[in-house]
Amino acid sequence: MLQNNFKFSFYVLGISILNLLLFHLPFFKFVISNIDYRTVNGSFLVFSLFIMMIVANFFAFYMLLFRSGIAGRILICIFFLINAVALYFINTYGVIIDESMIGNVLNTNYGESSSFFSFKLLGYIIFLGFVPGYFILTVGIVKESIKKCLLTLLSSILFILLFVFANSSNWLWIDKNSKTLGGLVMPWSYTVNTALFYIHQHQSNEKEMLLPTATMSDNEKAVVVLVIGESARRENFSLYGYGKKTNPLLSKIDNVHTFQASSCATYTTAGVKCILQHQDTDELYEILPNYLYRNNVDVVWRTTNWGEPPVHIKDYQTRETLLSECNGENFGYDEVLVSGLKERIVSSHTNKILIILHTSTSHGPTYSKKYPKQFETFIPVCNSVELGKCSQQELINAYDNTIVYTDYILSRVISELQELKGYRSSMIYVSDHGESLGEKNLYMHGLPVSLAPKEQYEIPFIVWSSGGPAIKNDKFVSQSYVFHSVLRFLGVQSPVYNEKMSVFK
């Protein structure tokens, strides 16, 4: 241990300053980019935020460390390690660590999280996590009395209040940008938002609200295949006017209709929930597969992804389940979802069938690993998880190849449905959210919708049908149209059905 020559107050102050200097460059870059720092008021705001962050962290760390001893030091070291990882993602992908991003992180499986590993991330962890952690653990300190402790804490509170009221003219600006500012403050961005995420999740999942009982309007055989896309942004589909031919197969199929849609969130869990519910709400209503299964529709869920609300059906198939029944070099990709699709439909003992395919095709950062080699139409491609190291053209090429592969999968679904005899059939494709590919130095997704660029929420909504009701000529739809469109096509009568929110006449 280093010499016991640090007073406890100086030790905590040193940790607070170190925390500020190591992990808050993105915070102050945002502040300076969004105010006129050359004015007296702007300069004072920057200075005030600098001081208040040191003092606020000093106050929190002081209380944590005063009586906790080595346990408190270990917790501070854990904060620095998580700070380092969070800073890596902020700097590399332009993310904001808010509640929605915490939900995104907590719903990421091992396979996807491991794809983010890089030596740059390891460098962040070592030099910004372990190295300062060593000094935090080994520096000797001289304890202070309880009286001195209370005086120090009281002085810290008064100091913070003084600067808060001195910046009263900036309160509106801070409030307007609070979500971004709060998402860049370490370690409170992820600690506070993790707590909020679990509180809100507990509240929303206390009880799934059941929808009214449904009936069938007819006994005709009907099947809908709902394909939920992952991170597919509308502007890279040639069906929507994109200059590169990313939809060579769908463009040749008759009766394919496109709609312009926006996602209600920029991360998977909320996006999928919005697709499956009858309306966009924070409440947890009975989702589409659960509702139809409860009302005697044959429902199948096949997934290579995750993040959906609780699914209560009998036939739920994961990637592992599907792979155990398939052989072939391309079945390691999302093509496995289509394996045996027609046979499964024909073997059904009911006349109304819903099959949901939840894909992962366009999820980053490893876009070039999401499709078989023969679909690498556009080259050169980005093969690095550090997307900023690739040229934007390489990144877009890799991403566009995932759209070409999506086009192939959707065309296979339609081909399987076309071969069915005696069924009216439909395919609906809609993505959970979009994706940033370096525009405005942003990558992937997850920004709050209020802050996100259009690339993260403008999504494709593609419909094909054979038989059954005709498709409307509406131009703009939302993700919630899926629920009502499926009910309409299958002939399900329900009090919650909204004719205006169906793509079918």
Protein backbone atom coordinates (compact mmCIF):
# COMPACT_ATOMS: atom_id res chain seq x y z
CA MET A 1 0.00 0.00 0.00
CA LEU A 2 1.20 3.55 -0.75
CA GLN A 3 2.15 5.87 2.11
CA ASN A 4 -0.71 6.96 4.41
CA ASN A 5 -0.25 10.61 3.54
CA PHE A 6 -3.66 11.44 2.01
CA LYS A 7 -6.40 12.93 4.08
CA PHE A 8 -9.71 11.24 3.44
CA SER A 9 -11.28 14.38 1.92
CA PHE A 10 -8.36 14.82 -0.50
CA TYR A 11 -8.52 11.13 -1.43
CA VAL A 12 -12.22 11.36 -2.31
CA LEU A 13 -11.69 14.67 -4.13
CA GLY A 14 -8.92 13.05 -6.18
CA ILE A 15 -11.23 10.18 -7.20
CA SER A 16 -13.94 12.69 -8.17
CA ILE A 17 -11.57 14.74 -10.31
CA LEU A 18 -10.14 11.57 -11.90
CA ASN A 19 -13.67 10.34 -12.68
CA LEU A 20 -14.46 13.67 -14.34
CA LEU A 21 -11.28 13.86 -16.42
CA LEU A 22 -11.29 10.25 -17.61
CA PHE A 23 -14.95 9.76 -18.50
CA HIS A 24 -16.64 13.05 -19.31
CA LEU A 25 -15.10 14.36 -22.51
CA PRO A 26 -18.27 13.39 -24.48
CA PHE A 27 -20.39 15.26 -21.92
CA PHE A 28 -18.48 18.51 -22.36
CA LYS A 29 -18.18 18.09 -26.11
CA PHE A 30 -21.99 17.96 -26.21
CA VAL A 31 -22.31 21.03 -23.98
CA ILE A 32 -19.82 23.09 -25.97
CA SER A 33 -21.46 22.01 -29.26
CA ASN A 34 -24.89 23.18 -28.10
CA ILE A 35 -24.19 26.51 -26.41
CA ASP A 36 -22.26 29.63 -27.28
CA TYR A 37 -19.37 29.07 -24.90
CA ARG A 38 -17.72 32.32 -26.02
CA THR A 39 -20.30 34.40 -24.16
CA VAL A 40 -20.03 35.14 -20.44
CA ASN A 41 -23.16 33.09 -19.70
CA GLY A 42 -21.98 30.16 -21.82
CA SER A 43 -18.53 30.11 -20.23
CA PHE A 44 -20.07 30.30 -16.77
CA LEU A 45 -22.36 27.35 -17.56
CA VAL A 46 -19.43 25.19 -18.69
CA PHE A 47 -17.44 26.17 -15.60
CA SER A 48 -20.44 25.53 -13.33
CA LEU A 49 -21.08 22.09 -14.79
CA PHE A 50 -17.42 21.23 -14.35
CA ILE A 51 -17.42 22.25 -10.69
CA MET A 52 -20.84 20.82 -9.88
CA MET A 53 -19.93 17.41 -11.31
CA ILE A 54 -16.78 17.26 -9.17
CA VAL A 55 -18.64 18.31 -6.03
CA ALA A 56 -21.68 16.07 -6.68
CA ASN A 57 -19.44 13.04 -7.21
CA PHE A 58 -17.38 14.05 -4.18
CA PHE A 59 -20.57 14.09 -2.08
CA ALA A 60 -21.69 10.65 -3.32
CA PHE A 61 -18.27 9.02 -3.11
CA TYR A 62 -17.63 10.56 0.34
CA MET A 63 -20.81 9.02 1.76
CA LEU A 64 -20.05 5.69 0.09
CA LEU A 65 -16.46 5.46 1.32
CA PHE A 66 -16.64 6.99 4.80
CA ARG A 67 -17.81 3.88 6.62
CA SER A 68 -17.55 1.14 3.99
CA GLY A 69 -13.78 0.60 3.96
CA ILE A 70 -12.41 -1.82 1.36
CA ALA A 71 -15.92 -2.73 0.11
CA GLY A 72 -16.49 0.90 -0.88
CA ARG A 73 -13.17 1.04 -2.71
CA ILE A 74 -13.99 -2.15 -4.62
CA LEU A 75 -17.36 -0.67 -5.64
CA ILE A 76 -15.63 2.50 -6.91
CA CYS A 77 -13.27 0.30 -8.94
CA ILE A 78 -16.28 -1.51 -10.43
CA PHE A 79 -17.73 1.91 -11.33
CA PHE A 80 -14.50 2.81 -13.14
CA LEU A 81 -14.55 -0.48 -15.08
CA ILE A 82 -18.16 0.00 -16.16
CA ASN A 83 -17.42 3.67 -16.92
CA ALA A 84 -14.63 2.54 -19.24
CA VAL A 85 -16.94 0.16 -21.13
CA ALA A 86 -19.69 2.79 -21.32
CA LEU A 87 -17.23 5.39 -22.62
CA TYR A 88 -16.05 2.98 -25.30
CA PHE A 89 -19.59 2.57 -26.63
CA ILE A 90 -20.29 6.29 -26.40
CA ASN A 91 -17.12 7.16 -28.33
CA THR A 92 -17.33 4.27 -30.80
CA TYR A 93 -21.06 4.11 -31.56
CA GLY A 94 -22.41 7.47 -30.35
CA VAL A 95 -24.84 5.91 -27.87
CA ILE A 96 -26.55 7.65 -24.94
CA ILE A 97 -26.76 5.61 -21.70
CA ASP A 98 -30.42 6.32 -20.89
CA GLU A 99 -33.13 3.96 -19.64
CA SER A 100 -33.95 2.65 -23.11
CA MET A 101 -30.28 1.84 -23.75
CA ILE A 102 -30.10 0.00 -20.42
CA GLY A 103 -33.08 -2.07 -21.58
CA ASN A 104 -31.26 -2.73 -24.85
CA VAL A 105 -28.12 -3.87 -22.98
CA LEU A 106 -29.98 -6.10 -20.53
CA ASN A 107 -31.85 -7.82 -23.37
CA THR A 108 -28.72 -8.53 -25.42
CA ASN A 109 -27.69 -12.18 -25.47
CA TYR A 110 -24.16 -13.50 -25.24
CA GLY A 111 -23.83 -14.15 -28.98
CA GLU A 112 -24.49 -10.50 -29.87
CA SER A 113 -22.57 -8.99 -26.95
CA SER A 114 -19.45 -11.02 -27.82
CA SER A 115 -19.50 -9.53 -31.32
CA PHE A 116 -18.63 -6.13 -29.83
CA PHE A 117 -15.26 -7.31 -28.47
CA SER A 118 -12.19 -5.54 -29.82
CA PHE A 119 -8.67 -4.72 -28.64
CA LYS A 120 -9.73 -1.09 -28.42
CA LEU A 121 -12.38 -2.09 -25.87
CA LEU A 122 -9.76 -4.09 -23.98
CA GLY A 123 -7.52 -1.00 -23.94
CA TYR A 124 -10.33 1.10 -22.46
CA ILE A 125 -10.89 -1.51 -19.74
CA ILE A 126 -7.19 -1.78 -18.84
CA PHE A 127 -6.12 1.88 -18.96
CA LEU A 128 -9.34 3.53 -17.78
CA GLY A 129 -10.54 0.74 -15.49
CA PHE A 130 -7.80 -1.42 -14.00
CA VAL A 131 -4.98 1.15 -13.85
CA PRO A 132 -6.88 3.84 -11.88
CA GLY A 133 -8.53 1.01 -9.89
CA TYR A 134 -5.09 -0.09 -8.69
CA PHE A 135 -4.40 3.34 -7.19
CA ILE A 136 -7.91 3.59 -5.72
CA LEU A 137 -7.29 0.31 -3.86
CA THR A 138 -3.69 0.91 -2.77
CA VAL A 139 -3.53 4.59 -1.78
CA GLY A 140 -3.35 5.00 1.99
CA ILE A 141 -5.72 7.43 3.70
CA VAL A 142 -6.21 9.08 7.08
CA LYS A 143 -9.78 8.79 8.39
CA GLU A 144 -11.72 11.87 9.53
CA SER A 145 -14.07 12.34 12.45
CA ILE A 146 -17.84 12.09 12.13
CA LYS A 147 -18.11 15.81 12.92
CA LYS A 148 -15.70 16.66 10.09
CA CYS A 149 -17.62 14.32 7.80
CA LEU A 150 -20.96 16.01 8.47
CA LEU A 151 -19.46 19.47 7.96
CA THR A 152 -17.90 18.35 4.66
CA LEU A 153 -21.17 16.88 3.37
CA LEU A 154 -23.16 19.97 4.40
CA SER A 155 -20.63 22.25 2.71
CA SER A 156 -20.89 20.15 -0.47
CA ILE A 157 -24.68 20.47 -0.55
CA LEU A 158 -24.54 24.23 -0.02
CA PHE A 159 -21.89 24.56 -2.72
CA ILE A 160 -24.04 22.64 -5.23
CA LEU A 161 -27.15 24.69 -4.39
CA LEU A 162 -25.17 27.91 -4.84
CA PHE A 163 -24.14 26.98 -8.38
CA VAL A 164 -27.62 25.66 -9.21
CA PHE A 165 -29.28 28.96 -8.36
CA ALA A 166 -26.46 30.95 -9.96
CA ASN A 167 -27.38 29.19 -13.22
CA SER A 168 -31.13 29.89 -13.01
CA SER A 169 -31.00 31.49 -16.47
CA ASN A 170 -29.74 28.15 -17.87
CA TRP A 171 -32.35 25.89 -16.25
CA LEU A 172 -34.48 25.72 -19.40
CA TRP A 173 -31.48 24.70 -21.52
CA ILE A 174 -30.46 22.04 -19.01
CA ASP A 175 -34.03 20.71 -18.79
CA LYS A 176 -34.33 20.58 -22.58
CA ASN A 177 -31.12 18.55 -22.85
CA SER A 178 -31.47 16.62 -19.60
CA LYS A 179 -31.87 13.22 -21.25
CA THR A 180 -28.63 13.53 -23.19
CA LEU A 181 -26.72 15.16 -20.34
CA GLY A 182 -27.92 12.53 -17.88
CA GLY A 183 -26.96 9.76 -20.29
CA LEU A 184 -23.35 10.98 -20.40
CA VAL A 185 -22.69 11.42 -16.66
CA MET A 186 -20.67 8.58 -15.14
CA PRO A 187 -21.45 6.48 -13.18
CA TRP A 188 -24.95 7.83 -12.59
CA SER A 189 -26.18 7.39 -16.17
CA TYR A 190 -26.25 3.62 -15.89
CA THR A 191 -26.81 3.24 -12.12
CA VAL A 192 -29.89 5.49 -11.99
CA ASN A 193 -31.29 4.29 -15.32
CA THR A 194 -30.79 0.62 -14.42
CA ALA A 195 -32.83 1.17 -11.27
CA LEU A 196 -35.52 3.01 -13.26
CA PHE A 197 -35.60 0.25 -15.88
CA TYR A 198 -36.30 -2.47 -13.30
CA ILE A 199 -38.85 -0.32 -11.47
CA HIS A 200 -40.77 0.38 -14.69
CA GLN A 201 -40.42 -3.21 -15.88
CA HIS A 202 -41.86 -4.50 -12.61
CA GLN A 203 -44.74 -2.06 -12.84
CA SER A 204 -45.52 -2.91 -16.48
CA ASN A 205 -45.23 -6.67 -16.02
CA GLU A 206 -47.28 -6.97 -12.86
CA LYS A 207 -50.19 -8.27 -14.90
CA GLU A 208 -50.73 -8.64 -18.64
CA MET A 209 -54.07 -7.02 -19.45
CA LEU A 210 -56.19 -9.47 -21.42
CA LEU A 211 -58.12 -8.28 -24.46
CA PRO A 212 -61.81 -9.09 -25.10
CA THR A 213 -62.62 -12.55 -26.43
CA ALA A 214 -62.53 -12.84 -30.23
CA THR A 215 -64.58 -14.91 -32.70
CA MET A 216 -64.02 -16.08 -36.28
CA SER A 217 -66.03 -14.53 -39.10
CA ASP A 218 -65.53 -17.57 -41.36
CA ASN A 219 -64.00 -21.02 -41.50
CA GLU A 220 -61.82 -20.52 -44.59
CA LYS A 221 -58.18 -21.57 -44.44
CA ALA A 222 -55.97 -18.50 -43.94
CA VAL A 223 -52.33 -18.03 -42.95
CA VAL A 224 -50.27 -14.94 -42.18
CA VAL A 225 -46.48 -15.03 -41.90
CA LEU A 226 -45.31 -12.00 -39.93
CA VAL A 227 -41.59 -11.36 -40.40
CA ILE A 228 -40.13 -9.01 -37.78
CA GLY A 229 -36.96 -7.45 -39.16
CA GLU A 230 -33.99 -6.36 -37.06
CA SER A 231 -32.33 -2.95 -37.55
CA ALA A 232 -33.62 -2.64 -41.13
CA ARG A 233 -33.84 0.97 -42.22
CA ARG A 234 -36.18 1.92 -45.02
CA GLU A 235 -33.87 4.07 -47.10
CA ASN A 236 -31.62 1.11 -48.00
CA PHE A 237 -34.43 -0.87 -49.67
CA SER A 238 -34.54 -0.44 -53.44
CA LEU A 239 -38.32 -1.00 -53.19
CA TYR A 240 -38.37 2.47 -51.64
CA GLY A 241 -36.19 4.06 -54.31
CA TYR A 242 -32.69 3.26 -53.05
CA GLY A 243 -30.15 3.50 -55.89
CA LYS A 244 -28.51 0.10 -55.28
CA LYS A 245 -30.46 -3.07 -56.15
CA THR A 246 -30.95 -4.45 -52.67
CA ASN A 247 -34.35 -6.04 -53.50
CA PRO A 248 -33.70 -7.89 -56.76
CA LEU A 249 -36.19 -10.69 -55.96
CA LEU A 250 -39.08 -8.85 -54.29
CA SER A 251 -39.08 -6.30 -57.10
CA LYS A 252 -40.07 -9.10 -59.52
CA ILE A 253 -42.96 -10.48 -57.43
CA ASP A 254 -46.50 -9.31 -58.15
CA ASN A 255 -48.74 -7.85 -55.49
CA VAL A 256 -45.92 -6.63 -53.22
CA HIS A 257 -46.97 -3.37 -51.55
CA THR A 258 -44.81 -0.96 -49.58
CA PHE A 259 -45.84 1.48 -46.87
CA GLN A 260 -43.87 4.21 -45.15
CA ALA A 261 -43.66 3.52 -41.44
CA SER A 262 -41.90 4.84 -38.35
CA SER A 263 -40.94 2.76 -35.35
CA CYS A 264 -42.17 3.88 -31.94
CA ALA A 265 -38.74 3.14 -30.43
CA THR A 266 -35.14 2.68 -31.54
CA TYR A 267 -34.38 -0.54 -29.66
CA THR A 268 -35.63 -4.09 -30.01
CA THR A 269 -37.68 -4.68 -26.85
CA ALA A 270 -39.90 -1.63 -27.29
CA GLY A 271 -40.05 -1.96 -31.08
CA VAL A 272 -41.20 -5.58 -31.00
CA LYS A 273 -43.71 -4.81 -28.25
CA CYS A 274 -45.15 -2.02 -30.41
CA ILE A 275 -45.46 -4.37 -33.40
CA LEU A 276 -47.33 -6.97 -31.37
CA GLN A 277 -49.75 -4.74 -29.42
CA HIS A 278 -53.00 -3.25 -30.67
CA GLN A 279 -51.86 0.27 -29.80
CA ASP A 280 -48.70 2.17 -28.89
CA THR A 281 -48.74 2.33 -25.10
CA ASP A 282 -46.47 1.85 -22.11
CA GLU A 283 -49.01 -0.56 -20.65
CA LEU A 284 -48.57 -4.31 -21.18
CA TYR A 285 -51.64 -5.48 -23.07
CA GLU A 286 -52.02 -9.02 -24.35
CA ILE A 287 -49.80 -9.24 -27.42
CA LEU A 288 -50.85 -10.59 -30.82
CA PRO A 289 -49.53 -14.20 -30.59
CA ASN A 290 -50.89 -14.68 -27.06
CA TYR A 291 -54.27 -13.21 -27.99
CA LEU A 292 -54.74 -15.32 -31.11
CA TYR A 293 -53.46 -18.49 -29.44
CA ARG A 294 -55.96 -17.99 -26.60
CA ASN A 295 -58.68 -17.65 -29.24
CA ASN A 296 -57.85 -20.96 -30.99
CA VAL A 297 -55.56 -19.72 -33.77
CA ASP A 298 -52.54 -21.96 -34.48
CA VAL A 299 -49.57 -19.70 -33.60
CA VAL A 300 -45.90 -20.49 -34.26
CA TRP A 301 -42.99 -18.31 -33.12
CA ARG A 302 -39.57 -18.89 -34.71
CA THR A 303 -36.69 -16.70 -33.63
CA THR A 304 -32.97 -16.13 -34.05
CA ASN A 305 -33.32 -12.98 -31.96
CA TRP A 306 -34.58 -11.97 -28.52
CA GLY A 307 -36.25 -9.07 -26.71
CA GLU A 308 -39.92 -9.84 -27.29
CA PRO A 309 -42.55 -9.45 -24.52
CA PRO A 310 -43.57 -12.70 -22.75
CA VAL A 311 -44.88 -15.11 -25.40
CA HIS A 312 -47.45 -17.63 -24.09
CA ILE A 313 -47.90 -20.16 -26.89
CA LYS A 314 -47.14 -23.85 -27.31
CA ASP A 315 -44.97 -23.77 -30.46
CA TYR A 316 -42.04 -21.46 -29.61
CA GLN A 317 -38.86 -22.33 -31.52
CA THR A 318 -35.42 -20.81 -30.93
CA ARG A 319 -32.39 -20.85 -33.22
CA GLU A 320 -31.01 -23.87 -31.35
CA THR A 321 -34.25 -25.81 -31.76
CA LEU A 322 -34.42 -25.08 -35.47
CA LEU A 323 -30.74 -25.86 -36.12
CA SER A 324 -31.09 -29.26 -34.47
CA GLU A 325 -33.60 -30.19 -37.18
CA CYS A 326 -31.71 -28.77 -40.19
CA ASN A 327 -28.60 -29.47 -42.23
CA GLY A 328 -26.81 -27.29 -44.75
CA GLU A 329 -24.20 -24.55 -44.86
CA ASN A 330 -26.70 -21.66 -44.92
CA PHE A 331 -28.84 -22.80 -42.02
CA GLY A 332 -26.53 -21.04 -39.57
CA TYR A 333 -28.12 -17.81 -40.77
CA ASP A 334 -31.70 -16.52 -40.68
CA GLU A 335 -32.64 -18.84 -43.53
CA VAL A 336 -33.21 -21.47 -40.84
CA LEU A 337 -36.45 -19.67 -39.95
CA VAL A 338 -38.00 -20.67 -43.29
CA SER A 339 -37.02 -24.34 -43.08
CA GLY A 340 -40.07 -26.61 -43.30
CA LEU A 341 -42.42 -23.62 -43.30
CA LYS A 342 -44.90 -24.99 -45.85
CA GLU A 343 -44.94 -28.42 -44.20
CA ARG A 344 -45.68 -26.85 -40.81
CA ILE A 345 -48.63 -24.92 -42.27
CA VAL A 346 -50.09 -27.94 -44.04
CA SER A 347 -49.80 -30.09 -40.90
CA SER A 348 -51.87 -27.66 -38.83
CA HIS A 349 -55.15 -28.95 -37.38
CA THR A 350 -56.80 -25.51 -37.50
CA ASN A 351 -57.82 -23.27 -40.39
CA LYS A 352 -56.38 -20.03 -38.99
CA ILE A 353 -52.60 -19.84 -38.71
CA LEU A 354 -50.15 -17.12 -37.66
CA ILE A 355 -46.42 -17.73 -38.02
CA ILE A 356 -44.00 -15.14 -36.67
CA LEU A 357 -40.37 -15.13 -37.83
CA HIS A 358 -38.19 -12.90 -35.66
CA THR A 359 -34.94 -12.30 -37.59
CA SER A 360 -31.57 -10.82 -36.62
CA THR A 361 -30.19 -10.22 -40.13
CA SER A 362 -29.20 -6.55 -40.02
CA HIS A 363 -28.05 -6.28 -36.39
CA GLY A 364 -24.62 -4.70 -36.04
CA PRO A 365 -21.82 -4.26 -35.58
CA THR A 366 -20.81 -7.43 -37.45
CA TYR A 367 -23.01 -6.90 -40.52
CA SER A 368 -20.66 -8.90 -42.77
CA LYS A 369 -21.24 -12.02 -40.64
CA LYS A 370 -25.04 -11.90 -40.95
CA TYR A 371 -25.33 -13.38 -44.44
CA PRO A 372 -23.83 -16.29 -46.46
CA LYS A 373 -20.90 -15.41 -48.70
CA GLN A 374 -22.91 -15.69 -51.91
CA PHE A 375 -25.00 -12.70 -50.82
CA GLU A 376 -21.98 -10.40 -50.61
CA THR A 377 -23.20 -8.40 -53.58
CA PHE A 378 -21.54 -5.10 -52.70
CA ILE A 379 -17.81 -4.92 -51.95
CA PRO A 380 -15.53 -4.01 -50.25
CA VAL A 381 -17.19 -4.54 -46.87
CA CYS A 382 -16.45 -3.53 -43.30
CA ASN A 383 -15.27 -6.48 -41.19
CA SER A 384 -14.39 -4.58 -38.01
CA VAL A 385 -16.55 -4.13 -34.91
CA GLU A 386 -15.00 -0.67 -34.58
CA LEU A 387 -17.23 0.82 -37.26
CA GLY A 388 -15.47 4.18 -37.24
CA LYS A 389 -12.31 2.49 -38.58
CA CYS A 390 -14.09 1.48 -41.79
CA SER A 391 -14.91 3.86 -44.59
CA GLN A 392 -18.59 4.69 -44.72
CA GLN A 393 -18.86 2.99 -48.10
CA GLU A 394 -17.45 -0.27 -46.71
CA LEU A 395 -19.90 -0.05 -43.81
CA ILE A 396 -22.88 0.66 -46.07
CA ASN A 397 -21.85 -2.16 -48.43
CA ALA A 398 -21.83 -4.67 -45.57
CA TYR A 399 -25.19 -3.41 -44.35
CA ASP A 400 -26.70 -3.43 -47.85
CA ASN A 401 -25.70 -7.07 -48.20
CA THR A 402 -27.86 -7.86 -45.15
CA ILE A 403 -30.78 -6.23 -46.98
CA VAL A 404 -30.06 -8.36 -50.06
CA TYR A 405 -30.19 -11.43 -47.82
CA THR A 406 -33.42 -10.19 -46.22
CA ASP A 407 -34.85 -9.83 -49.74
CA TYR A 408 -33.99 -13.47 -50.40
CA ILE A 409 -35.58 -14.68 -47.15
CA LEU A 410 -38.79 -12.74 -47.81
CA SER A 411 -38.97 -14.05 -51.38
CA ARG A 412 -38.60 -17.60 -50.02
CA VAL A 413 -41.46 -17.02 -47.59
CA ILE A 414 -43.67 -15.80 -50.43
CA SER A 415 -42.63 -18.75 -52.61
CA GLU A 416 -43.58 -21.19 -49.83
CA LEU A 417 -46.98 -19.49 -49.45
CA GLN A 418 -47.60 -19.47 -53.20
CA GLU A 419 -47.24 -23.25 -53.27
CA LEU A 420 -50.05 -23.73 -50.73
CA LYS A 421 -53.34 -25.01 -52.14
CA GLY A 422 -56.65 -23.94 -50.66
CA TYR A 423 -55.28 -21.18 -48.43
CA ARG A 424 -55.52 -17.42 -48.61
CA SER A 425 -52.08 -16.27 -47.50
CA SER A 426 -50.19 -13.12 -46.67
CA MET A 427 -46.71 -12.06 -45.65
CA ILE A 428 -46.15 -8.90 -43.61
CA TYR A 429 -42.61 -7.62 -43.06
CA VAL A 430 -41.86 -4.80 -40.64
CA SER A 431 -38.66 -3.88 -38.81
CA ASP A 432 -38.35 -3.20 -35.08
CA HIS A 433 -36.31 -0.02 -35.73
CA GLY A 434 -33.75 1.45 -38.11
CA GLU A 435 -29.97 1.88 -37.99
CA SER A 436 -27.34 4.62 -38.16
CA LEU A 437 -24.36 3.95 -40.42
CA GLY A 438 -22.00 6.80 -39.59
CA GLU A 439 -24.32 9.71 -40.42
CA LYS A 440 -23.61 12.55 -37.96
CA ASN A 441 -20.95 10.23 -36.50
CA LEU A 442 -23.67 7.93 -35.10
CA TYR A 443 -23.69 4.16 -35.38
CA MET A 444 -26.26 1.41 -34.86
CA HIS A 445 -29.35 2.42 -32.83
CA GLY A 446 -30.73 3.08 -29.36
CA LEU A 447 -30.93 6.87 -29.15
CA PRO A 448 -34.19 8.21 -27.68
CA VAL A 449 -36.70 8.81 -30.48
CA SER A 450 -36.79 12.52 -29.59
CA LEU A 451 -33.05 12.72 -30.32
CA ALA A 452 -32.58 9.98 -32.90
CA PRO A 453 -31.95 10.73 -36.59
CA LYS A 454 -34.49 9.46 -39.10
CA GLU A 455 -32.24 6.54 -40.04
CA GLN A 456 -32.99 4.98 -36.63
CA TYR A 457 -36.80 5.12 -36.86
CA GLU A 458 -37.83 5.17 -40.56
CA ILE A 459 -38.55 1.51 -41.31
CA PRO A 460 -39.87 -0.71 -44.12
CA PHE A 461 -43.41 -2.09 -43.97
CA ILE A 462 -43.91 -4.57 -46.83
CA VAL A 463 -47.05 -6.63 -47.52
CA TRP A 464 -47.78 -9.43 -49.99
CA SER A 465 -51.03 -11.38 -50.19
CA SER A 466 -52.76 -14.01 -52.27
CA GLY A 467 -56.51 -14.21 -51.92
CA GLY A 468 -58.46 -12.61 -49.11
CA PRO A 469 -59.11 -8.90 -48.69
CA ALA A 470 -57.40 -6.44 -51.01
CA ILE A 471 -54.56 -4.21 -49.82
CA LYS A 472 -55.30 -0.53 -49.22
CA ASN A 473 -53.50 2.28 -50.99
CA ASP A 474 -52.56 4.04 -47.74
CA LYS A 475 -49.12 5.62 -47.75
CA PHE A 476 -48.25 6.06 -44.07
CA VAL A 477 -48.71 3.43 -41.37
CA SER A 478 -47.35 2.64 -37.91
CA GLN A 479 -46.08 -0.56 -36.32
CA SER A 480 -49.45 -0.96 -34.56
CA TYR A 481 -51.08 -1.60 -37.96
CA VAL A 482 -49.67 -5.13 -37.80
CA PHE A 483 -52.07 -6.26 -35.06
CA HIS A 484 -55.21 -5.07 -36.84
CA SER A 485 -54.02 -6.20 -40.29
CA VAL A 486 -53.46 -9.76 -39.07
CA LEU A 487 -56.90 -9.86 -37.44
CA ARG A 488 -58.53 -8.59 -40.65
CA PHE A 489 -56.78 -11.06 -42.94
CA LEU A 490 -57.45 -14.08 -40.74
CA GLY A 491 -61.08 -13.10 -40.27
CA VAL A 492 -60.82 -12.57 -36.52
CA GLN A 493 -63.61 -10.40 -35.09
CA SER A 494 -62.68 -8.51 -31.94
CA PRO A 495 -63.91 -5.41 -30.06
CA VAL A 496 -60.36 -4.00 -30.20
CA TYR A 497 -60.14 -4.26 -34.00
CA ASN A 498 -59.66 -0.88 -35.68
CA GLU A 499 -60.55 -0.82 -39.36
CA LYS A 500 -58.51 2.35 -39.92
CA MET A 501 -55.37 0.59 -38.73
CA SER A 502 -55.56 -2.34 -41.12
CA VAL A 503 -53.65 -2.38 -44.40
CA PHE A 504 -56.39 -4.64 -45.81
CA LYS A 505 -59.72 -3.34 -47.07
